Protein backbone atom coordinates (compact mmCIF):
# COMPACT_ATOMS: atom_id res chain seq x y z
CA MET A 1 15.38 13.37 9.11
CA THR A 2 12.95 11.40 6.97
CA LYS A 3 9.78 13.35 6.21
CA ALA A 4 6.31 11.86 6.33
CA ARG A 5 5.06 11.01 2.85
CA ALA A 6 1.92 13.10 3.47
CA SER A 7 4.12 16.20 3.75
CA LEU A 8 5.78 15.42 0.41
CA ILE A 9 2.77 14.44 -1.71
CA SER A 10 -0.48 16.40 -1.64
CA VAL A 11 -2.84 16.65 -4.59
CA ASP A 12 -4.05 19.96 -3.18
CA ALA A 13 -0.58 21.39 -3.86
CA THR A 14 -0.05 19.77 -7.26
CA PRO A 15 -1.06 16.56 -9.05
CA TYR A 16 2.42 16.18 -10.66
CA TYR A 17 5.42 14.47 -9.01
CA HIS A 18 8.90 13.40 -10.07
CA CYS A 19 9.85 10.14 -8.32
CA VAL A 20 13.18 8.29 -8.18
CA SER A 21 14.15 4.86 -6.82
CA ARG A 22 17.75 3.66 -6.51
CA CYS A 23 19.30 0.24 -5.89
CA VAL A 24 21.06 -0.41 -2.61
CA ARG A 25 23.08 -3.44 -3.72
CA ARG A 26 26.24 -3.39 -5.80
CA SER A 27 24.57 -5.50 -8.45
CA PHE A 28 22.88 -3.51 -11.14
CA LEU A 29 19.18 -2.88 -11.55
CA CYS A 30 19.64 -3.09 -15.32
CA GLY A 31 22.40 -2.95 -17.89
CA TYR A 32 25.76 -4.73 -17.69
CA ASP A 33 27.70 -4.99 -14.43
CA GLU A 34 31.40 -4.97 -15.28
CA ARG A 35 32.34 -6.02 -11.76
CA ALA A 36 30.11 -9.09 -11.76
CA GLN A 37 30.53 -9.69 -15.51
CA GLN A 38 26.80 -10.21 -15.79
CA SER A 39 24.03 -8.58 -17.81
CA TYR A 40 20.87 -7.36 -16.14
CA GLU A 41 19.57 -5.66 -19.26
CA HIS A 42 16.36 -7.71 -19.29
CA ARG A 43 15.26 -6.07 -16.04
CA ARG A 44 14.53 -2.85 -17.89
CA GLY A 45 11.68 -4.68 -19.55
CA TRP A 46 10.39 -5.83 -16.16
CA ILE A 47 10.14 -2.26 -14.91
CA GLU A 48 8.70 -0.78 -18.08
CA LYS A 49 6.04 -3.48 -18.35
CA ARG A 50 5.07 -3.27 -14.67
CA LEU A 51 5.03 0.54 -14.71
CA LEU A 52 2.62 0.73 -17.63
CA ALA A 53 0.46 -2.11 -16.31
CA LEU A 54 0.04 -0.24 -13.02
CA ALA A 55 -0.82 2.93 -14.94
CA ASN A 56 -3.56 1.00 -16.72
CA ALA A 57 -5.13 -0.06 -13.40
CA PHE A 58 -4.41 2.95 -11.19
CA CYS A 59 -5.67 6.51 -11.54
CA ILE A 60 -2.01 7.55 -11.75
CA ASP A 61 -0.86 8.75 -15.17
CA VAL A 62 2.69 8.21 -16.43
CA CYS A 63 4.01 11.43 -17.98
CA ALA A 64 7.68 10.48 -18.39
CA TYR A 65 10.10 7.73 -17.40
CA ALA A 66 13.70 6.62 -17.84
CA ILE A 67 15.11 3.29 -16.66
CA MET A 68 18.84 3.51 -15.95
CA SER A 69 21.47 1.01 -14.76
CA ASN A 70 20.99 1.43 -10.99
CA HIS A 71 17.94 3.68 -10.69
CA TYR A 72 14.86 4.84 -12.51
CA HIS A 73 12.93 8.11 -12.84
CA VAL A 74 9.22 8.58 -13.39
CA VAL A 75 7.00 11.67 -13.59
CA LEU A 76 3.47 10.88 -12.40
CA HIS A 77 0.11 12.67 -12.45
CA ILE A 78 -2.50 11.96 -9.75
CA ASN A 79 -5.86 11.74 -11.51
CA VAL A 80 -8.33 12.17 -8.61
CA GLU A 81 -11.22 13.07 -10.91
CA LYS A 82 -10.78 9.79 -12.75
CA ALA A 83 -10.78 7.90 -9.44
CA ASN A 84 -13.94 9.67 -8.30
CA ARG A 85 -15.73 8.72 -11.53
CA LEU A 86 -15.05 5.00 -11.14
CA LYS A 87 -17.99 2.73 -10.35
CA GLN A 88 -17.57 0.20 -7.57
CA ASN A 89 -17.25 -2.76 -9.91
CA GLU A 90 -14.52 -0.91 -11.83
CA ILE A 91 -12.62 -0.25 -8.61
CA VAL A 92 -12.83 -3.91 -7.62
CA GLU A 93 -11.66 -5.07 -11.05
CA ARG A 94 -8.71 -2.67 -11.06
CA TRP A 95 -7.58 -3.44 -7.51
CA LEU A 96 -7.91 -7.19 -7.84
CA SER A 97 -5.77 -7.18 -11.00
CA PHE A 98 -2.81 -6.83 -8.58
CA HIS A 99 -4.20 -8.25 -5.32
CA GLN A 100 -6.16 -11.19 -4.00
CA GLY A 101 -9.21 -9.65 -2.36
CA PRO A 102 -10.67 -10.68 1.00
CA ALA A 103 -13.21 -13.49 1.14
CA LEU A 104 -16.07 -11.04 1.67
CA ILE A 105 -15.30 -9.24 -1.61
CA GLN A 106 -14.98 -12.58 -3.38
CA ARG A 107 -18.47 -13.45 -2.17
CA LEU A 108 -19.73 -10.11 -3.47
CA ILE A 109 -18.20 -10.81 -6.89
CA MET A 110 -19.78 -14.28 -6.97
CA GLY A 111 -23.19 -12.75 -6.30
CA ASP A 112 -23.72 -14.39 -2.90
CA LYS A 113 -26.48 -12.98 -0.73
CA LEU A 114 -24.91 -10.66 1.85
CA SER A 115 -26.32 -9.12 5.00
CA ASP A 116 -26.70 -5.34 5.31
CA ALA A 117 -23.66 -5.26 7.60
CA GLU A 118 -21.60 -7.25 5.09
CA ILE A 119 -22.64 -4.96 2.23
CA GLU A 120 -21.67 -1.93 4.29
CA ARG A 121 -18.29 -3.52 5.03
CA CYS A 122 -17.78 -4.19 1.30
CA ASN A 123 -18.59 -0.56 0.53
CA ASP A 124 -16.02 0.60 3.10
CA ILE A 125 -13.33 -1.67 1.63
CA ILE A 126 -14.04 -0.51 -1.92
CA GLU A 127 -13.84 3.16 -0.92
CA VAL A 128 -10.44 2.51 0.66
CA TRP A 129 -9.35 0.96 -2.64
CA ARG A 130 -10.66 4.02 -4.50
CA GLU A 131 -8.30 6.21 -2.46
CA ARG A 132 -5.39 3.84 -2.99
CA LEU A 133 -5.90 3.84 -6.78
CA SER A 134 -4.95 7.53 -6.77
CA SER A 135 -2.06 7.12 -4.30
CA ILE A 136 1.50 7.49 -5.59
CA SER A 137 2.74 5.68 -2.47
CA TRP A 138 0.68 2.59 -3.32
CA PHE A 139 1.62 2.84 -6.99
CA MET A 140 5.35 2.96 -6.19
CA ARG A 141 5.00 0.24 -3.56
CA LEU A 142 3.49 -2.20 -6.05
CA LEU A 143 6.14 -1.32 -8.62
CA ASN A 144 9.15 -1.59 -6.30
CA GLN A 145 7.99 -4.64 -4.35
CA TYR A 146 7.46 -6.60 -7.54
CA ILE A 147 10.88 -5.68 -9.00
CA SER A 148 12.60 -6.38 -5.68
CA SER A 149 11.01 -9.84 -5.45
CA GLU A 150 11.90 -10.71 -9.04
CA ALA A 151 15.49 -9.48 -8.67
CA ASN A 152 16.01 -11.29 -5.34
CA ARG A 153 14.65 -14.48 -6.85
CA GLU A 154 17.00 -14.15 -9.82
CA ASP A 155 19.99 -13.25 -7.63
CA LYS A 156 19.14 -16.04 -5.15
CA CYS A 157 19.32 -13.73 -2.17
CA THR A 158 17.16 -11.86 0.32
CA GLY A 159 17.21 -8.41 1.86
CA HIS A 160 16.73 -4.86 0.73
CA PHE A 161 16.97 -4.18 -2.99
CA TRP A 162 16.03 -0.48 -2.98
CA GLU A 163 17.80 2.37 -1.20
CA GLY A 164 14.99 3.07 1.24
CA ARG A 165 11.79 4.74 0.14
CA PHE A 166 11.44 6.35 -3.24
CA LYS A 167 12.26 10.06 -3.44
CA SER A 168 9.54 12.42 -4.61
CA GLN A 169 9.62 15.98 -5.92
CA ALA A 170 6.50 18.13 -6.28
CA LEU A 171 6.19 19.87 -9.65
CA LEU A 172 4.21 22.98 -8.88
CA ASP A 173 3.73 24.60 -12.28
CA GLU A 174 4.00 23.90 -16.01
CA LYS A 175 7.60 25.07 -16.24
CA ALA A 176 8.60 22.70 -13.45
CA LEU A 177 6.67 19.88 -15.12
CA ALA A 178 8.32 20.44 -18.51
CA ALA A 179 11.77 20.75 -16.92
CA ALA A 180 11.37 17.53 -14.92
CA MET A 181 10.05 15.57 -17.91
CA ALA A 182 12.92 16.77 -20.10
CA TYR A 183 15.41 15.94 -17.36
CA VAL A 184 14.00 12.41 -17.08
CA ASP A 185 13.88 11.79 -20.84
CA LEU A 186 17.45 13.06 -21.30
CA ASN A 187 18.99 10.79 -18.65
CA PRO A 188 20.52 8.33 -21.16
CA VAL A 189 21.89 11.20 -23.27
CA ARG A 190 23.42 12.90 -20.21
CA ALA A 191 24.94 9.58 -19.13
CA ALA A 192 26.50 9.22 -22.61
CA ILE A 193 24.78 5.88 -23.26
CA ALA A 194 22.55 7.29 -26.04
CA ALA A 195 23.27 9.88 -28.70
CA THR A 196 19.75 11.25 -29.14
CA PRO A 197 16.33 11.07 -27.41
CA GLU A 198 14.89 8.82 -30.11
CA THR A 199 17.68 6.26 -29.54
CA SER A 200 17.35 6.32 -25.74
CA GLU A 201 16.08 2.86 -24.85
CA HIS A 202 13.40 2.43 -22.19
CA THR A 203 12.44 6.09 -22.00
CA SER A 204 9.08 7.76 -22.47
CA VAL A 205 10.41 10.07 -25.19
CA LYS A 206 11.46 7.10 -27.32
CA ALA A 207 8.06 5.47 -26.72
CA ARG A 208 6.26 8.66 -27.75
CA ILE A 209 8.33 9.02 -30.91
CA ALA A 210 7.78 5.36 -31.76
CA SER A 211 4.03 5.83 -31.37
CA LEU A 212 4.10 8.68 -33.89
CA LYS A 213 5.78 6.37 -36.37
CA THR A 214 3.09 3.71 -35.87
CA ALA A 215 0.09 6.03 -36.31
CA GLN A 216 -0.72 6.39 -32.59
CA ALA A 217 -1.12 9.79 -30.98
CA THR A 218 0.00 8.43 -27.57
CA PRO A 219 1.67 5.19 -26.43
CA PRO A 220 -0.62 2.81 -24.51
CA ASN A 221 -1.10 3.67 -20.81
CA MET A 222 0.78 6.97 -21.01
CA PHE A 223 -0.63 10.44 -20.26
CA PRO A 224 -1.29 12.19 -23.58
CA PHE A 225 -0.32 15.72 -24.59
CA ALA A 226 -3.48 17.84 -24.64
CA GLY A 227 -2.09 21.13 -25.95
CA ASN A 228 -1.89 24.64 -24.54
CA PRO A 229 -4.02 25.33 -21.45
CA ARG A 230 -7.51 26.55 -22.25
CA GLU A 231 -11.03 26.23 -20.98
CA ASN A 232 -12.55 22.75 -21.33
CA MET A 233 -9.13 21.30 -22.22
CA PRO A 234 -9.18 17.48 -22.53
CA ASP A 235 -7.38 15.41 -19.92
CA GLY A 236 -3.65 15.47 -20.63
CA LEU A 237 -0.36 17.31 -20.35
CA PRO A 238 -0.79 21.08 -20.75
CA PHE A 239 1.46 21.53 -23.79
CA ARG A 240 1.97 20.13 -27.27
CA LEU A 241 3.99 17.03 -28.04
CA MET A 242 5.93 18.68 -30.86
CA ASP A 243 6.84 21.65 -28.64
CA TYR A 244 8.05 19.20 -26.02
CA LEU A 245 10.20 17.26 -28.49
CA GLU A 246 11.85 20.50 -29.61
CA LEU A 247 12.44 21.46 -25.96
CA VAL A 248 14.06 18.09 -25.20
CA ASP A 249 16.23 18.32 -28.31
CA TRP A 250 17.37 21.88 -27.54
CA THR A 251 18.05 21.07 -23.88
CA GLY A 252 20.01 17.94 -24.80
CA ARG A 253 22.38 20.00 -26.97
CA GLN A 254 23.48 22.12 -24.03
CA SER A 255 26.67 20.87 -22.36
CA ARG A 256 26.73 20.48 -18.58
CA ASP A 257 29.91 20.37 -16.51
CA ASP A 258 28.42 17.74 -14.17
CA LYS A 259 27.28 15.40 -16.98
CA ARG A 260 29.27 13.43 -19.54
CA GLY A 261 26.93 13.50 -22.50
CA HIS A 262 24.95 15.83 -24.74
CA ILE A 263 23.45 15.74 -28.23
CA ASP A 264 26.15 16.41 -30.82
CA GLY A 265 25.77 19.87 -32.30
CA LYS A 266 26.30 18.35 -35.75
CA GLU A 267 23.08 16.35 -35.42
CA PRO A 268 20.15 17.80 -37.41
CA GLU A 269 17.27 19.17 -35.37
CA ILE A 270 14.94 16.48 -34.07
CA LEU A 271 12.12 17.26 -36.51
CA LYS A 272 14.47 16.72 -39.43
CA ARG A 273 15.81 13.53 -37.87
CA LEU A 274 12.23 12.29 -37.62
CA GLY A 275 11.68 13.02 -41.30
CA PHE A 276 9.58 16.21 -41.18
CA ASP A 277 10.22 19.02 -43.63
CA SER A 278 8.93 22.51 -42.79
CA ALA A 279 5.62 22.14 -44.63
CA GLN A 280 4.90 18.73 -43.09
CA TRP A 281 5.86 20.06 -39.69
CA LEU A 282 3.42 22.97 -39.80
CA ALA A 283 0.58 20.67 -40.84
CA THR A 284 1.41 17.98 -38.30
CA TYR A 285 1.96 20.55 -35.54
CA LYS A 286 -1.69 21.57 -35.81
CA HIS A 287 -3.05 18.04 -35.70
CA ALA A 288 -0.66 15.93 -33.63
CA GLU A 289 -2.77 16.04 -30.47
CA LYS A 290 -6.11 15.56 -32.26
CA GLY A 291 -7.84 12.32 -33.10
CA SER A 292 -6.83 8.78 -32.29
CA MET A 293 -4.09 8.26 -34.89
CA ILE A 294 -1.59 10.15 -36.97
CA GLY A 295 0.78 8.97 -39.68
CA THR A 296 1.45 8.68 -43.40
CA GLU A 297 -1.32 7.15 -45.49
CA PRO A 298 0.50 3.79 -45.86
CA SER A 299 1.08 3.51 -42.12
CA ILE A 300 -2.56 4.34 -41.37
CA LYS A 301 -3.71 1.67 -43.84
CA VAL A 302 -1.47 -0.89 -42.12
CA ALA A 303 -2.78 0.13 -38.69
CA LEU A 304 -6.51 0.12 -39.49
CA PRO A 305 -7.07 -3.66 -39.25
CA LEU A 306 -4.84 -3.84 -36.17
CA LEU A 307 -7.04 -1.24 -34.50
CA GLY A 308 -10.24 -2.91 -35.66
CA ARG A 309 -11.19 -0.08 -38.02
CA LYS A 310 -12.22 0.00 -41.68
CA ARG A 311 -12.27 3.66 -42.68
CA LEU A 312 -9.14 5.61 -43.60
CA CYS A 313 -9.43 8.03 -40.70
CA GLY A 314 -6.93 10.07 -38.72
CA PHE A 315 -4.52 12.84 -39.73
CA ARG A 316 -2.36 11.82 -42.69
CA ILE A 317 1.20 13.12 -42.91
CA PRO A 318 2.35 13.64 -46.50
CA ALA A 319 4.81 10.95 -47.58
CA GLY A 320 8.36 12.24 -47.78
């Protein structure tokens, strides 16, 4: 029997959830459909772009994602504190970036003179939007409805595109969170369509590694790694990025009877593949989650004008 969403998602239990959506039709969500002899590879970009755009507007943080041929995984964090801090104008701006608001709200935006009753009604509407901005159900609805509409338009058909509602899994502690994120990021490796995490297209682990190489501590619109839990810890995942990369690499090397792929044991460890020697690793390990950028001195110099900065700031990795 289908369970009510309220019994599956509760921020009082945990703010972290692993969600999955699968296609119902024989045609592929993404990738190449051998049966139809048609490529749907471009749809991966649709999902990735929409996912991160929603994360930018919602108070829902993207921790991990993987976009596969007929389904996708995402690990999300409900950021209620962020939603509660939003001012009313910020809520309106965020919500209307994906919706056309009612006429009354449009009048409010235009600065029209409203009666007390109309102002009260506007306040009620905006508070409903505040709640929705921290709702995984609304987040997933706006993601899946958009992809369904685009795919139906491209396929010139109507009807259901997704296999019912998205599935959700509560991640109740840090071990569960780390395990779910690693599982998601290793999907292409386990499916034998990628050899390593850093070559796994349209995954969060590849995006995070790419950001390191371009002097960014965290990819845009993704939940950052904040480090080990401690008092007054900044907003972010409760472990270190480098620890997580090692965990993903180690886990990916373990063979599973129910999966086709794993990382070849002959592959160097991930830190070596990324170009870190032991001395560089120890230095970077201490600084990777600090500051707004990290990279070699040349890469920081290239990034400064792109980021609108003049000073050579950020943690510099020694050139190898």
